[in-house]
Amino acid sequence: MNLCPNCGMGAHDKEFCLECGMKVLPAADEVLDLPDRGLRQKAVYKAPDEMAAVTMQKILEAEGIRSWIRSVQEPWVDGIMKMVEGYWGKVIVFEDQEQAARRVIESYFKSLGPHLH
């Protein structure tokens, strides 16, 4: 099984990831620079619960960084995936905004003080 190079989670066919739906990039030796490279996704924060995920998403969006949430929860297993994965879900950004998003997250946690993160 080939893992998706965009999300690293799902299998993919020749063109698209079956998990995240993003177009699968060809191998590095096939193409060095792609026009849609900025559309690749990266997880920048693993949220312990839904409230933390929504909070982080809103903080990133307030800084002009488009983000969205991908929960790892499965409705029919009542939270067991949080125990398996160790987190509730991920906050995702486009690859070209990953570094800026990480700086915003780091700054946010520093502003909370040493006892709250």
PDB file of N, CA and C in Angstrom:
ATOM      1  N   MET A   1       0.840  -1.180   0.000  1.00  0.00           N
ATOM      2  CA  MET A   1       0.000   0.000   0.000  1.00  0.00           C
ATOM      3  C   MET A   1       0.881   1.238   0.000  1.00  0.00           C
ATOM      4  N   ASN A   2       0.569   2.186  -0.860  1.00  0.00           N
ATOM      5  CA  ASN A   2       1.287   3.453  -0.927  1.00  0.00           C
ATOM      6  C   ASN A   2       0.620   4.469  -0.023  1.00  0.00           C
ATOM      7  N   LEU A   3       1.395   5.071   0.877  1.00  0.00           N
ATOM      8  CA  LEU A   3       0.848   6.114   1.732  1.00  0.00           C
ATOM      9  C   LEU A   3       0.826   7.434   0.984  1.00  0.00           C
ATOM     10  N   CYS A   4      -0.165   8.227   1.273  1.00  0.00           N
ATOM     11  CA  CYS A   4      -0.313   9.534   0.637  1.00  0.00           C
ATOM     12  C   CYS A   4       0.844  10.438   1.055  1.00  0.00           C
ATOM     13  N   PRO A   5       1.540  11.070   0.109  1.00  0.00           N
ATOM     14  CA  PRO A   5       2.630  11.975   0.476  1.00  0.00           C
ATOM     15  C   PRO A   5       2.140  13.309   1.035  1.00  0.00           C
ATOM     16  N   ASN A   6       0.852  13.607   0.870  1.00  0.00           N
ATOM     17  CA  ASN A   6       0.308  14.868   1.385  1.00  0.00           C
ATOM     18  C   ASN A   6      -0.062  14.755   2.851  1.00  0.00           C
ATOM     19  N   CYS A   7      -0.896  13.774   3.203  1.00  0.00           N
ATOM     20  CA  CYS A   7      -1.345  13.655   4.591  1.00  0.00           C
ATOM     21  C   CYS A   7      -0.624  12.535   5.339  1.00  0.00           C
ATOM     22  N   GLY A   8      -0.015  11.593   4.609  1.00  0.00           N
ATOM     23  CA  GLY A   8       0.699  10.496   5.231  1.00  0.00           C
ATOM     24  C   GLY A   8      -0.197   9.470   5.876  1.00  0.00           C
ATOM     25  N   MET A   9      -1.495   9.569   5.633  1.00  0.00           N
ATOM     26  CA  MET A   9      -2.431   8.685   6.325  1.00  0.00           C
ATOM     27  C   MET A   9      -3.103   7.683   5.397  1.00  0.00           C
ATOM     28  N   GLY A  10      -3.596   8.132   4.265  1.00  0.00           N
ATOM     29  CA  GLY A  10      -4.417   7.282   3.428  1.00  0.00           C
ATOM     30  C   GLY A  10      -3.672   6.661   2.275  1.00  0.00           C
ATOM     31  N   ALA A  11      -4.260   5.597   1.743  1.00  0.00           N
ATOM     32  CA  ALA A  11      -3.761   5.013   0.514  1.00  0.00           C
ATOM     33  C   ALA A  11      -4.180   5.917  -0.629  1.00  0.00           C
ATOM     34  N   HIS A  12      -3.528   5.802  -1.761  1.00  0.00           N
ATOM     35  CA  HIS A  12      -3.912   6.636  -2.885  1.00  0.00           C
ATOM     36  C   HIS A  12      -3.911   5.838  -4.171  1.00  0.00           C
ATOM     37  N   ASP A  13      -4.720   6.308  -5.103  1.00  0.00           N
ATOM     38  CA  ASP A  13      -4.677   5.731  -6.436  1.00  0.00           C
ATOM     39  C   ASP A  13      -3.655   6.544  -7.226  1.00  0.00           C
ATOM     40  N   LYS A  14      -3.695   6.507  -8.524  1.00  0.00           N
ATOM     41  CA  LYS A  14      -2.697   7.215  -9.341  1.00  0.00           C
ATOM     42  C   LYS A  14      -2.778   8.734  -9.221  1.00  0.00           C
ATOM     43  N   GLU A  15      -3.982   9.274  -8.924  1.00  0.00           N
ATOM     44  CA  GLU A  15      -4.137  10.725  -8.942  1.00  0.00           C
ATOM     45  C   GLU A  15      -4.469  11.366  -7.608  1.00  0.00           C
ATOM     46  N   PHE A  16      -5.331  10.728  -6.791  1.00  0.00           N
ATOM     47  CA  PHE A  16      -5.827  11.374  -5.580  1.00  0.00           C
ATOM     48  C   PHE A  16      -5.722  10.463  -4.357  1.00  0.00           C
ATOM     49  N   CYS A  17      -5.509  11.092  -3.182  1.00  0.00           N
ATOM     50  CA  CYS A  17      -5.504  10.369  -1.911  1.00  0.00           C
ATOM     51  C   CYS A  17      -6.936  10.000  -1.556  1.00  0.00           C
ATOM     52  N   LEU A  18      -7.149   8.786  -1.127  1.00  0.00           N
ATOM     53  CA  LEU A  18      -8.482   8.339  -0.757  1.00  0.00           C
ATOM     54  C   LEU A  18      -8.892   8.860   0.619  1.00  0.00           C
ATOM     55  N   GLU A  19      -7.933   9.367   1.413  1.00  0.00           N
ATOM     56  CA  GLU A  19      -8.215   9.899   2.747  1.00  0.00           C
ATOM     57  C   GLU A  19      -8.459  11.402   2.720  1.00  0.00           C
ATOM     58  N   CYS A  20      -7.494  12.169   2.206  1.00  0.00           N
ATOM     59  CA  CYS A  20      -7.606  13.635   2.264  1.00  0.00           C
ATOM     60  C   CYS A  20      -8.129  14.250   0.969  1.00  0.00           C
ATOM     61  N   GLY A  21      -8.140  13.483  -0.114  1.00  0.00           N
ATOM     62  CA  GLY A  21      -8.687  13.971  -1.364  1.00  0.00           C
ATOM     63  C   GLY A  21      -7.757  14.862  -2.171  1.00  0.00           C
ATOM     64  N   MET A  22      -6.561  15.115  -1.657  1.00  0.00           N
ATOM     65  CA  MET A  22      -5.622  15.977  -2.373  1.00  0.00           C
ATOM     66  C   MET A  22      -4.989  15.218  -3.535  1.00  0.00           C
ATOM     67  N   LYS A  23      -4.591  15.968  -4.541  1.00  0.00           N
ATOM     68  CA  LYS A  23      -3.909  15.376  -5.683  1.00  0.00           C
ATOM     69  C   LYS A  23      -2.556  14.862  -5.222  1.00  0.00           C
ATOM     70  N   VAL A  24      -2.232  13.639  -5.600  1.00  0.00           N
ATOM     71  CA  VAL A  24      -0.970  13.018  -5.199  1.00  0.00           C
ATOM     72  C   VAL A  24       0.134  13.543  -6.107  1.00  0.00           C
ATOM     73  N   LEU A  25       1.212  13.958  -5.492  1.00  0.00           N
ATOM     74  CA  LEU A  25       2.335  14.502  -6.250  1.00  0.00           C
ATOM     75  C   LEU A  25       3.189  13.369  -6.808  1.00  0.00           C
ATOM     76  N   PRO A  26       3.752  13.562  -7.992  1.00  0.00           N
ATOM     77  CA  PRO A  26       4.640  12.541  -8.551  1.00  0.00           C
ATOM     78  C   PRO A  26       5.943  12.471  -7.771  1.00  0.00           C
ATOM     79  N   ALA A  27       6.708  11.440  -8.019  1.00  0.00           N
ATOM     80  CA  ALA A  27       7.994  11.267  -7.346  1.00  0.00           C
ATOM     81  C   ALA A  27       8.912  12.450  -7.670  1.00  0.00           C
ATOM     82  N   ALA A  28       9.847  12.725  -6.760  1.00  0.00           N
ATOM     83  CA  ALA A  28      10.722  13.894  -6.906  1.00  0.00           C
ATOM     84  C   ALA A  28      11.532  13.858  -8.194  1.00  0.00           C
ATOM     85  N   ASP A  29      11.900  12.678  -8.655  1.00  0.00           N
ATOM     86  CA  ASP A  29      12.686  12.618  -9.881  1.00  0.00           C
ATOM     87  C   ASP A  29      11.835  12.882 -11.125  1.00  0.00           C
ATOM     88  N   GLU A  30      10.514  12.815 -10.991  1.00  0.00           N
ATOM     89  CA  GLU A  30       9.635  13.092 -12.131  1.00  0.00           C
ATOM     90  C   GLU A  30       9.449  14.593 -12.336  1.00  0.00           C
ATOM     91  N   VAL A  31       9.212  15.325 -11.248  1.00  0.00           N
ATOM     92  CA  VAL A  31       8.956  16.762 -11.328  1.00  0.00           C
ATOM     93  C   VAL A  31       9.602  17.440 -10.134  1.00  0.00           C
ATOM     94  N   LEU A  32      10.357  18.499 -10.378  1.00  0.00           N
ATOM     95  CA  LEU A  32      11.015  19.200  -9.280  1.00  0.00           C
ATOM     96  C   LEU A  32      10.180  20.341  -8.722  1.00  0.00           C
ATOM     97  N   ASP A  33       9.399  21.005  -9.561  1.00  0.00           N
ATOM     98  CA  ASP A  33       8.616  22.141  -9.093  1.00  0.00           C
ATOM     99  C   ASP A  33       7.212  22.060  -9.690  1.00  0.00           C
ATOM    100  N   LEU A  34       6.222  22.015  -8.817  1.00  0.00           N
ATOM    101  CA  LEU A  34       4.843  21.902  -9.267  1.00  0.00           C
ATOM    102  C   LEU A  34       4.066  23.156  -8.917  1.00  0.00           C
ATOM    103  N   PRO A  35       3.181  23.625  -9.790  1.00  0.00           N
ATOM    104  CA  PRO A  35       2.409  24.833  -9.503  1.00  0.00           C
ATOM    105  C   PRO A  35       1.437  24.663  -8.337  1.00  0.00           C
ATOM    106  N   ASP A  36       1.009  23.456  -8.030  1.00  0.00           N
ATOM    107  CA  ASP A  36       0.054  23.248  -6.942  1.00  0.00           C
ATOM    108  C   ASP A  36       0.720  22.832  -5.630  1.00  0.00           C
ATOM    109  N   ARG A  37       2.016  23.030  -5.524  1.00  0.00           N
ATOM    110  CA  ARG A  37       2.743  22.625  -4.315  1.00  0.00           C
ATOM    111  C   ARG A  37       2.182  23.316  -3.069  1.00  0.00           C
ATOM    112  N   GLY A  38       1.719  24.558  -3.206  1.00  0.00           N
ATOM    113  CA  GLY A  38       1.146  25.296  -2.086  1.00  0.00           C
ATOM    114  C   GLY A  38      -0.159  24.716  -1.594  1.00  0.00           C
ATOM    115  N   LEU A  39      -0.740  23.792  -2.344  1.00  0.00           N
ATOM    116  CA  LEU A  39      -2.005  23.182  -1.932  1.00  0.00           C
ATOM    117  C   LEU A  39      -1.808  21.951  -1.059  1.00  0.00           C
ATOM    118  N   ARG A  40      -0.595  21.534  -0.859  1.00  0.00           N
ATOM    119  CA  ARG A  40      -0.351  20.376  -0.008  1.00  0.00           C
ATOM    120  C   ARG A  40      -0.654  20.731   1.445  1.00  0.00           C
ATOM    121  N   GLN A  41      -1.077  19.752   2.218  1.00  0.00           N
ATOM    122  CA  GLN A  41      -1.525  19.988   3.591  1.00  0.00           C
ATOM    123  C   GLN A  41      -0.509  19.483   4.608  1.00  0.00           C
ATOM    124  N   LYS A  42      -0.446  20.173   5.741  1.00  0.00           N
ATOM    125  CA  LYS A  42       0.413  19.767   6.847  1.00  0.00           C
ATOM    126  C   LYS A  42      -0.332  19.959   8.159  1.00  0.00           C
ATOM    127  N   ALA A  43      -0.210  19.003   9.049  1.00  0.00           N
ATOM    128  CA  ALA A  43      -0.772  19.138  10.394  1.00  0.00           C
ATOM    129  C   ALA A  43       0.199  19.964  11.227  1.00  0.00           C
ATOM    130  N   VAL A  44      -0.318  20.986  11.897  1.00  0.00           N
ATOM    131  CA  VAL A  44       0.544  21.856  12.705  1.00  0.00           C
ATOM    132  C   VAL A  44       0.226  21.772  14.189  1.00  0.00           C
ATOM    133  N   TYR A  45      -0.881  21.137  14.534  1.00  0.00           N
ATOM    134  CA  TYR A  45      -1.256  21.051  15.948  1.00  0.00           C
ATOM    135  C   TYR A  45      -2.128  19.821  16.173  1.00  0.00           C
ATOM    136  N   LYS A  46      -1.755  19.021  17.159  1.00  0.00           N
ATOM    137  CA  LYS A  46      -2.581  17.886  17.572  1.00  0.00           C
ATOM    138  C   LYS A  46      -3.376  18.312  18.791  1.00  0.00           C
ATOM    139  N   ALA A  47      -4.675  18.425  18.609  1.00  0.00           N
ATOM    140  CA  ALA A  47      -5.545  18.951  19.659  1.00  0.00           C
ATOM    141  C   ALA A  47      -6.005  17.836  20.601  1.00  0.00           C
ATOM    142  N   PRO A  48      -5.968  18.101  21.903  1.00  0.00           N
ATOM    143  CA  PRO A  48      -6.432  17.099  22.864  1.00  0.00           C
ATOM    144  C   PRO A  48      -7.948  16.952  22.875  1.00  0.00           C
ATOM    145  N   ASP A  49      -8.665  17.999  22.429  1.00  0.00           N
ATOM    146  CA  ASP A  49     -10.126  17.939  22.382  1.00  0.00           C
ATOM    147  C   ASP A  49     -10.640  18.911  21.325  1.00  0.00           C
ATOM    148  N   GLU A  50     -11.939  18.869  21.079  1.00  0.00           N
ATOM    149  CA  GLU A  50     -12.526  19.700  20.030  1.00  0.00           C
ATOM    150  C   GLU A  50     -12.378  21.193  20.327  1.00  0.00           C
ATOM    151  N   MET A  51     -12.535  21.582  21.573  1.00  0.00           N
ATOM    152  CA  MET A  51     -12.430  22.991  21.943  1.00  0.00           C
ATOM    153  C   MET A  51     -11.032  23.540  21.649  1.00  0.00           C
ATOM    154  N   ALA A  52     -10.009  22.772  21.960  1.00  0.00           N
ATOM    155  CA  ALA A  52      -8.636  23.208  21.666  1.00  0.00           C
ATOM    156  C   ALA A  52      -8.411  23.316  20.163  1.00  0.00           C
ATOM    157  N   ALA A  53      -8.964  22.398  19.396  1.00  0.00           N
ATOM    158  CA  ALA A  53      -8.825  22.433  17.938  1.00  0.00           C
ATOM    159  C   ALA A  53      -9.489  23.676  17.355  1.00  0.00           C
ATOM    160  N   VAL A  54     -10.708  23.965  17.790  1.00  0.00           N
ATOM    161  CA  VAL A  54     -11.431  25.135  17.289  1.00  0.00           C
ATOM    162  C   VAL A  54     -10.717  26.423  17.704  1.00  0.00           C
ATOM    163  N   THR A  55     -10.241  26.466  18.934  1.00  0.00           N
ATOM    164  CA  THR A  55      -9.512  27.641  19.416  1.00  0.00           C
ATOM    165  C   THR A  55      -8.276  27.903  18.566  1.00  0.00           C
ATOM    166  N   MET A  56      -7.490  26.844  18.313  1.00  0.00           N
ATOM    167  CA  MET A  56      -6.273  27.014  17.524  1.00  0.00           C
ATOM    168  C   MET A  56      -6.597  27.406  16.090  1.00  0.00           C
ATOM    169  N   GLN A  57      -7.647  26.840  15.535  1.00  0.00           N
ATOM    170  CA  GLN A  57      -8.056  27.198  14.180  1.00  0.00           C
ATOM    171  C   GLN A  57      -8.402  28.685  14.107  1.00  0.00           C
ATOM    172  N   LYS A  58      -9.149  29.173  15.083  1.00  0.00           N
ATOM    173  CA  LYS A  58      -9.545  30.586  15.092  1.00  0.00           C
ATOM    174  C   LYS A  58      -8.346  31.508  15.289  1.00  0.00           C
ATOM    175  N   ILE A  59      -7.387  31.104  16.101  1.00  0.00           N
ATOM    176  CA  ILE A  59      -6.174  31.901  16.304  1.00  0.00           C
ATOM    177  C   ILE A  59      -5.397  32.012  14.987  1.00  0.00           C
ATOM    178  N   LEU A  60      -5.256  30.895  14.287  1.00  0.00           N
ATOM    179  CA  LEU A  60      -4.547  30.908  13.008  1.00  0.00           C
ATOM    180  C   LEU A  60      -5.282  31.764  11.980  1.00  0.00           C
ATOM    181  N   GLU A  61      -6.591  31.627  11.913  1.00  0.00           N
ATOM    182  CA  GLU A  61      -7.373  32.409  10.956  1.00  0.00           C
ATOM    183  C   GLU A  61      -7.319  33.904  11.264  1.00  0.00           C
ATOM    184  N   ALA A  62      -7.225  34.257  12.548  1.00  0.00           N
ATOM    185  CA  ALA A  62      -7.095  35.671  12.925  1.00  0.00           C
ATOM    186  C   ALA A  62      -5.774  36.256  12.429  1.00  0.00           C
ATOM    187  N   GLU A  63      -4.786  35.392  12.235  1.00  0.00           N
ATOM    188  CA  GLU A  63      -3.487  35.824  11.711  1.00  0.00           C
ATOM    189  C   GLU A  63      -3.415  35.718  10.190  1.00  0.00           C
ATOM    190  N   GLY A  64      -4.535  35.380   9.557  1.00  0.00           N
ATOM    191  CA  GLY A  64      -4.577  35.295   8.102  1.00  0.00           C
ATOM    192  C   GLY A  64      -4.122  33.968   7.537  1.00  0.00           C
ATOM    193  N   ILE A  65      -4.051  32.943   8.382  1.00  0.00           N
ATOM    194  CA  ILE A  65      -3.612  31.617   7.938  1.00  0.00           C
ATOM    195  C   ILE A  65      -4.839  30.717   7.826  1.00  0.00           C
ATOM    196  N   ARG A  66      -5.143  30.291   6.617  1.00  0.00           N
ATOM    197  CA  ARG A  66      -6.299  29.418   6.402  1.00  0.00           C
ATOM    198  C   ARG A  66      -6.015  28.060   7.029  1.00  0.00           C
ATOM    199  N   SER A  67      -6.954  27.587   7.815  1.00  0.00           N
ATOM    200  CA  SER A  67      -6.775  26.304   8.498  1.00  0.00           C
ATOM    201  C   SER A  67      -8.103  25.592   8.610  1.00  0.00           C
ATOM    202  N   TRP A  68      -8.037  24.301   8.872  1.00  0.00           N
ATOM    203  CA  TRP A  68      -9.235  23.515   9.088  1.00  0.00           C
ATOM    204  C   TRP A  68      -8.891  22.373  10.029  1.00  0.00           C
ATOM    205  N   ILE A  69      -9.917  21.687  10.494  1.00  0.00           N
ATOM    206  CA  ILE A  69      -9.757  20.647  11.511  1.00  0.00           C
ATOM    207  C   ILE A  69     -10.078  19.291  10.904  1.00  0.00           C
ATOM    208  N   ARG A  70      -9.262  18.306  11.257  1.00  0.00           N
ATOM    209  CA  ARG A  70      -9.543  16.924  10.864  1.00  0.00           C
ATOM    210  C   ARG A  70      -9.554  16.070  12.139  1.00  0.00           C
ATOM    211  N   SER A  71     -10.728  15.646  12.538  1.00  0.00           N
ATOM    212  CA  SER A  71     -10.880  14.817  13.734  1.00  0.00           C
ATOM    213  C   SER A  71     -10.503  13.380  13.416  1.00  0.00           C
ATOM    214  N   VAL A  72      -9.923  12.699  14.399  1.00  0.00           N
ATOM    215  CA  VAL A  72      -9.628  11.272  14.234  1.00  0.00           C
ATOM    216  C   VAL A  72     -10.722  10.415  14.867  1.00  0.00           C
ATOM    217  N   GLN A  73     -11.748  11.049  15.389  1.00  0.00           N
ATOM    218  CA  GLN A  73     -12.804  10.325  16.095  1.00  0.00           C
ATOM    219  C   GLN A  73     -13.725   9.589  15.123  1.00  0.00           C
ATOM    220  N   GLU A  74     -14.204   8.462  15.572  1.00  0.00           N
ATOM    221  CA  GLU A  74     -15.193   7.671  14.835  1.00  0.00           C
ATOM    222  C   GLU A  74     -16.460   7.651  15.681  1.00  0.00           C
ATOM    223  N   PRO A  75     -17.580   8.145  15.164  1.00  0.00           N
ATOM    224  CA  PRO A  75     -18.789   8.293  15.961  1.00  0.00           C
ATOM    225  C   PRO A  75     -19.274   7.000  16.632  1.00  0.00           C
ATOM    226  N   TRP A  76     -19.105   5.885  15.998  1.00  0.00           N
ATOM    227  CA  TRP A  76     -19.676   4.653  16.526  1.00  0.00           C
ATOM    228  C   TRP A  76     -18.797   3.959  17.566  1.00  0.00           C
ATOM    229  N   VAL A  77     -17.602   4.470  17.835  1.00  0.00           N
ATOM    230  CA  VAL A  77     -16.752   3.824  18.836  1.00  0.00           C
ATOM    231  C   VAL A  77     -16.549   4.681  20.078  1.00  0.00           C
ATOM    232  N   ASP A  78     -17.298   5.762  20.222  1.00  0.00           N
ATOM    233  CA  ASP A  78     -17.401   6.546  21.447  1.00  0.00           C
ATOM    234  C   ASP A  78     -16.060   6.941  22.069  1.00  0.00           C
ATOM    235  N   GLY A  79     -15.226   7.640  21.297  1.00  0.00           N
ATOM    236  CA  GLY A  79     -14.008   8.213  21.851  1.00  0.00           C
ATOM    237  C   GLY A  79     -12.810   7.296  21.958  1.00  0.00           C
ATOM    238  N   ILE A  80     -12.913   6.073  21.508  1.00  0.00           N
ATOM    239  CA  ILE A  80     -11.779   5.160  21.652  1.00  0.00           C
ATOM    240  C   ILE A  80     -10.587   5.602  20.810  1.00  0.00           C
ATOM    241  N   MET A  81     -10.836   6.297  19.710  1.00  0.00           N
ATOM    242  CA  MET A  81      -9.731   6.745  18.861  1.00  0.00           C
ATOM    243  C   MET A  81      -8.860   7.781  19.565  1.00  0.00           C
ATOM    244  N   LYS A  82      -9.430   8.539  20.479  1.00  0.00           N
ATOM    245  CA  LYS A  82      -8.619   9.488  21.245  1.00  0.00           C
ATOM    246  C   LYS A  82      -7.618   8.723  22.107  1.00  0.00           C
ATOM    247  N   MET A  83      -8.048   7.590  22.654  1.00  0.00           N
ATOM    248  CA  MET A  83      -7.129   6.766  23.445  1.00  0.00           C
ATOM    249  C   MET A  83      -6.085   6.103  22.553  1.00  0.00           C
ATOM    250  N   VAL A  84      -6.491   5.672  21.380  1.00  0.00           N
ATOM    251  CA  VAL A  84      -5.574   5.007  20.460  1.00  0.00           C
ATOM    252  C   VAL A  84      -4.545   5.989  19.900  1.00  0.00           C
ATOM    253  N   GLU A  85      -5.021   7.121  19.385  1.00  0.00           N
ATOM    254  CA  GLU A  85      -4.136   8.106  18.752  1.00  0.00           C
ATOM    255  C   GLU A  85      -3.442   9.008  19.771  1.00  0.00           C
ATOM    256  N   GLY A  86      -4.083   9.282  20.897  1.00  0.00           N
ATOM    257  CA  GLY A  86      -3.506  10.173  21.901  1.00  0.00           C
ATOM    258  C   GLY A  86      -3.925  11.618  21.752  1.00  0.00           C
ATOM    259  N   TYR A  87      -4.798  11.901  20.815  1.00  0.00           N
ATOM    260  CA  TYR A  87      -5.294  13.254  20.606  1.00  0.00           C
ATOM    261  C   TYR A  87      -6.668  13.174  19.948  1.00  0.00           C
ATOM    262  N   TRP A  88      -7.416  14.282  19.995  1.00  0.00           N
ATOM    263  CA  TRP A  88      -8.762  14.317  19.429  1.00  0.00           C
ATOM    264  C   TRP A  88      -8.747  14.502  17.912  1.00  0.00           C
ATOM    265  N   GLY A  89      -7.874  15.402  17.440  1.00  0.00           N
ATOM    266  CA  GLY A  89      -7.798  15.691  16.012  1.00  0.00           C
ATOM    267  C   GLY A  89      -6.632  16.612  15.713  1.00  0.00           C
ATOM    268  N   LYS A  90      -6.519  16.993  14.443  1.00  0.00           N
ATOM    269  CA  LYS A  90      -5.404  17.831  14.001  1.00  0.00           C
ATOM    270  C   LYS A  90      -5.922  19.130  13.402  1.00  0.00           C
ATOM    271  N   VAL A  91      -5.111  20.179  13.566  1.00  0.00           N
ATOM    272  CA  VAL A  91      -5.359  21.431  12.851  1.00  0.00           C
ATOM    273  C   VAL A  91      -4.416  21.402  11.647  1.00  0.00           C
ATOM    274  N   ILE A  92      -4.992  21.602  10.470  1.00  0.00           N
ATOM    275  CA  ILE A  92      -4.279  21.452   9.205  1.00  0.00           C
ATOM    276  C   ILE A  92      -4.149  22.818   8.519  1.00  0.00           C
ATOM    277  N   VAL A  93      -3.012  23.050   7.875  1.00  0.00           N
ATOM    278  CA  VAL A  93      -2.802  24.252   7.064  1.00  0.00           C
ATOM    279  C   VAL A  93      -2.181  23.822   5.741  1.00  0.00           C
ATOM    280  N   PHE A  94      -2.168  24.749   4.774  1.00  0.00           N
ATOM    281  CA  PHE A  94      -1.453  24.480   3.536  1.00  0.00           C
ATOM    282  C   PHE A  94       0.044  24.478   3.820  1.00  0.00           C
ATOM    283  N   GLU A  95       0.775  23.661   3.075  1.00  0.00           N
ATOM    284  CA  GLU A  95       2.204  23.483   3.303  1.00  0.00           C
ATOM    285  C   GLU A  95       2.982  24.798   3.268  1.00  0.00           C
ATOM    286  N   ASP A  96       2.624  25.692   2.381  1.00  0.00           N
ATOM    287  CA  ASP A  96       3.372  26.942   2.283  1.00  0.00           C
ATOM    288  C   ASP A  96       3.109  27.887   3.456  1.00  0.00           C
ATOM    289  N   GLN A  97       2.143  27.569   4.314  1.00  0.00           N
ATOM    290  CA  GLN A  97       1.872  28.386   5.500  1.00  0.00           C
ATOM    291  C   GLN A  97       2.268  27.673   6.794  1.00  0.00           C
ATOM    292  N   GLU A  98       2.912  26.531   6.656  1.00  0.00           N
ATOM    293  CA  GLU A  98       3.255  25.729   7.836  1.00  0.00           C
ATOM    294  C   GLU A  98       4.163  26.479   8.812  1.00  0.00           C
ATOM    295  N   GLN A  99       5.240  27.084   8.333  1.00  0.00           N
ATOM    296  CA  GLN A  99       6.181  27.758   9.226  1.00  0.00           C
ATOM    297  C   GLN A  99       5.530  28.942   9.937  1.00  0.00           C
ATOM    298  N   ALA A 100       4.741  29.714   9.203  1.00  0.00           N
ATOM    299  CA  ALA A 100       4.045  30.847   9.822  1.00  0.00           C
ATOM    300  C   ALA A 100       3.068  30.352  10.879  1.00  0.00           C
ATOM    301  N   ALA A 101       2.359  29.269  10.586  1.00  0.00           N
ATOM    302  CA  ALA A 101       1.406  28.712  11.545  1.00  0.00           C
ATOM    303  C   ALA A 101       2.115  28.237  12.807  1.00  0.00           C
ATOM    304  N   ARG A 102       3.244  27.584  12.645  1.00  0.00           N
ATOM    305  CA  ARG A 102       3.999  27.100  13.816  1.00  0.00           C
ATOM    306  C   ARG A 102       4.489  28.264  14.675  1.00  0.00           C
ATOM    307  N   ARG A 103       4.891  29.368  14.040  1.00  0.00           N
ATOM    308  CA  ARG A 103       5.314  30.547  14.805  1.00  0.00           C
ATOM    309  C   ARG A 103       4.140  31.128  15.589  1.00  0.00           C
ATOM    310  N   VAL A 104       2.966  31.198  14.973  1.00  0.00           N
ATOM    311  CA  VAL A 104       1.775  31.721  15.653  1.00  0.00           C
ATOM    312  C   VAL A 104       1.425  30.824  16.842  1.00  0.00           C
ATOM    313  N   ILE A 105       1.459  29.519  16.650  1.00  0.00           N
ATOM    314  CA  ILE A 105       1.132  28.578  17.734  1.00  0.00           C
ATOM    315  C   ILE A 105       2.133  28.709  18.874  1.00  0.00           C
ATOM    316  N   GLU A 106       3.409  28.780  18.532  1.00  0.00           N
ATOM    317  CA  GLU A 106       4.441  28.930  19.565  1.00  0.00           C
ATOM    318  C   GLU A 106       4.248  30.228  20.340  1.00  0.00           C
ATOM    319  N   SER A 107       3.969  31.301  19.631  1.00  0.00           N
ATOM    320  CA  SER A 107       3.743  32.591  20.273  1.00  0.00           C
ATOM    321  C   SER A 107       2.523  32.545  21.194  1.00  0.00           C
ATOM    322  N   TYR A 108       1.483  31.882  20.738  1.00  0.00           N
ATOM    323  CA  TYR A 108       0.273  31.745  21.559  1.00  0.00           C
ATOM    324  C   TYR A 108       0.577  31.018  22.864  1.00  0.00           C
ATOM    325  N   PHE A 109       1.273  29.892  22.783  1.00  0.00           N
ATOM    326  CA  PHE A 109       1.568  29.140  24.001  1.00  0.00           C
ATOM    327  C   PHE A 109       2.522  29.899  24.928  1.00  0.00           C
ATOM    328  N   LYS A 110       3.455  30.652  24.366  1.00  0.00           N
ATOM    329  CA  LYS A 110       4.328  31.477  25.205  1.00  0.00           C
ATOM    330  C   LYS A 110       3.545  32.538  25.938  1.00  0.00           C
ATOM    331  N   SER A 111       2.505  33.079  25.285  1.00  0.00           N
ATOM    332  CA  SER A 111       1.692  34.124  25.915  1.00  0.00           C
ATOM    333  C   SER A 111       0.868  33.586  27.078  1.00  0.00           C
ATOM    334  N   LEU A 112       0.631  32.278  27.112  1.00  0.00           N
ATOM    335  CA  LEU A 112      -0.152  31.685  28.196  1.00  0.00           C
ATOM    336  C   LEU A 112       0.625  31.590  29.496  1.00  0.00           C
ATOM    337  N   GLY A 113       1.946  31.605  29.407  1.00  0.00           N
ATOM    338  CA  GLY A 113       2.767  31.471  30.588  1.00  0.00           C
ATOM    339  C   GLY A 113       3.259  30.045  30.748  1.00  0.00           C
ATOM    340  N   PRO A 114       4.188  29.834  31.640  1.00  0.00           N
ATOM    341  CA  PRO A 114       4.830  28.510  31.751  1.00  0.00           C
ATOM    342  C   PRO A 114       3.929  27.418  32.319  1.00  0.00           C
ATOM    343  N   HIS A 115       2.841  27.752  32.988  1.00  0.00           N
ATOM    344  CA  HIS A 115       2.047  26.725  33.655  1.00  0.00           C
ATOM    345  C   HIS A 115       0.856  26.251  32.839  1.00  0.00           C
ATOM    346  N   LEU A 116       0.579  26.889  31.712  1.00  0.00           N
ATOM    347  CA  LEU A 116      -0.644  26.555  30.994  1.00  0.00           C
ATOM    348  C   LEU A 116      -0.434  25.834  29.665  1.00  0.00           C
ATOM    349  N   HIS A 117       0.719  25.397  29.330  1.00  0.00           N
ATOM    350  CA  HIS A 117       0.895  24.661  28.081  1.00  0.00           C
ATOM    351  C   HIS A 117       1.671  23.428  28.227  1.00  0.00           C
TER     352      HIS A 117
END
